[in-house]
Amino acid sequence: MEHPTKPLVWLQGEIKTPLFSRLARLEAGFLLRQLQNGEHLTMPASRPMASIGPRCHELRINDENMTWRILYRIDNDAILILDVFQKKTHSTPRSIIDACKRRLRQYEE
């Protein structure tokens, strides 16, 4: 039985030029399409982000001179995009984690 394609619900962030290179946009789009089609992604493409909440993950996009992260949550009816940011440190900044938690609370109200 085929799963219906889940919509992407953008709570924050964009994937556009000039920030993302063409190849990074294509990779991000490919990975997001896999999620929409119900595929479960694992490392190195995606890892769980329990610090944000259940069913939350980060996509890892390596660009020409930088690394991008797309934080998302898998819901039954959609893929929620919580944030898109350039990864500059080893760990995800506390401010981004807190902002994602706040967005999820607002979304659920």
Protein backbone atom coordinates (compact mmCIF):
# COMPACT_ATOMS: atom_id res chain seq x y z
CA MET A 1 0.00 0.00 0.00
CA GLU A 2 1.37 3.39 -0.99
CA HIS A 3 1.70 6.18 1.62
CA PRO A 4 0.26 9.58 0.71
CA THR A 5 2.83 12.34 0.31
CA LYS A 6 3.02 14.51 3.42
CA PRO A 7 3.11 18.28 2.93
CA LEU A 8 5.97 20.38 4.22
CA VAL A 9 4.84 22.92 6.81
CA TRP A 10 7.41 25.71 7.16
CA LEU A 11 7.45 27.19 10.66
CA GLN A 12 10.79 28.95 10.05
CA GLY A 13 13.59 29.22 7.48
CA GLU A 14 14.04 28.91 3.73
CA ILE A 15 16.17 27.00 1.26
CA LYS A 16 17.02 29.50 -1.45
CA THR A 17 19.76 31.15 -3.43
CA PRO A 18 22.18 32.81 -2.79
CA LEU A 19 22.54 31.19 0.62
CA PHE A 20 22.36 27.55 -0.50
CA SER A 21 24.38 26.52 -3.54
CA ARG A 22 22.48 24.84 -6.36
CA LEU A 23 23.79 21.40 -5.37
CA ALA A 24 22.89 21.92 -1.69
CA ARG A 25 19.35 22.98 -2.67
CA LEU A 26 19.01 19.85 -4.80
CA GLU A 27 20.26 17.62 -1.97
CA ALA A 28 17.92 19.28 0.55
CA GLY A 29 14.98 18.91 -1.83
CA PHE A 30 15.80 15.25 -2.46
CA LEU A 31 16.01 14.47 1.27
CA LEU A 32 12.83 16.41 2.07
CA ARG A 33 10.99 14.54 -0.70
CA GLN A 34 12.11 11.23 0.83
CA LEU A 35 10.67 12.34 4.18
CA GLN A 36 7.42 13.41 2.51
CA ASN A 37 7.15 9.95 0.97
CA GLY A 38 7.44 8.29 4.39
CA GLU A 39 11.05 7.15 4.19
CA HIS A 40 13.05 6.99 7.42
CA LEU A 41 16.42 8.74 7.07
CA THR A 42 19.45 7.88 9.20
CA MET A 43 23.05 9.04 9.52
CA PRO A 44 24.81 10.63 7.83
CA ALA A 45 21.81 12.42 6.25
CA SER A 46 19.71 12.79 9.40
CA ARG A 47 19.97 12.32 13.13
CA PRO A 48 17.43 12.50 15.98
CA MET A 49 17.17 15.72 18.00
CA ALA A 50 15.62 14.55 21.27
CA SER A 51 16.73 17.84 22.84
CA ILE A 52 13.94 19.53 20.84
CA GLY A 53 11.28 16.87 21.27
CA PRO A 54 9.92 13.53 20.12
CA ARG A 55 10.03 12.83 16.36
CA CYS A 56 12.42 15.78 15.88
CA HIS A 57 15.50 15.39 13.69
CA GLU A 58 18.10 17.39 11.80
CA LEU A 59 18.98 17.03 8.14
CA ARG A 60 22.68 17.53 7.48
CA ILE A 61 23.48 19.33 4.24
CA ASN A 62 27.13 19.84 3.30
CA ASP A 63 27.55 22.82 0.99
CA GLU A 64 30.60 24.11 -0.86
CA ASN A 65 32.12 26.09 2.04
CA MET A 66 29.67 25.52 4.88
CA THR A 67 27.30 23.09 6.51
CA TRP A 68 23.54 23.58 6.80
CA ARG A 69 21.05 22.04 9.19
CA ILE A 70 17.31 21.69 8.65
CA LEU A 71 15.50 20.91 11.88
CA TYR A 72 12.22 19.08 11.37
CA ARG A 73 9.55 17.00 13.08
CA ILE A 74 7.71 14.07 11.53
CA ASP A 75 3.99 14.25 12.23
CA ASN A 76 1.31 11.83 11.00
CA ASP A 77 0.01 14.36 8.49
CA ALA A 78 3.02 16.60 7.69
CA ILE A 79 6.74 17.26 7.94
CA LEU A 80 7.23 20.39 10.07
CA ILE A 81 10.28 22.52 9.21
CA LEU A 82 11.34 24.09 12.49
CA ASP A 83 14.46 25.96 11.38
CA VAL A 84 17.14 26.18 8.72
CA PHE A 85 20.55 27.47 9.77
CA GLN A 86 24.23 27.42 8.99
CA LYS A 87 26.10 25.10 11.34
CA LYS A 88 29.13 26.89 12.77
CA THR A 89 29.82 24.98 15.98
CA HIS A 90 30.00 21.34 17.03
CA SER A 91 26.72 21.48 18.96
CA THR A 92 23.41 23.10 18.08
CA PRO A 93 23.16 26.48 19.83
CA ARG A 94 20.78 26.57 22.80
CA SER A 95 19.00 29.60 21.26
CA ILE A 96 18.02 27.54 18.20
CA ILE A 97 16.82 24.60 20.30
CA ASP A 98 14.73 26.95 22.47
CA ALA A 99 13.29 28.71 19.40
CA CYS A 100 12.26 25.35 17.88
CA LYS A 101 10.56 24.30 21.11
CA ARG A 102 8.70 27.62 21.19
CA ARG A 103 7.58 27.24 17.56
CA LEU A 104 6.26 23.75 18.27
CA ARG A 105 4.30 24.99 21.29
CA GLN A 106 2.79 27.80 19.22
CA TYR A 107 1.98 25.41 16.37
CA GLU A 108 0.19 23.02 18.71
CA GLU A 109 -1.98 25.73 20.32
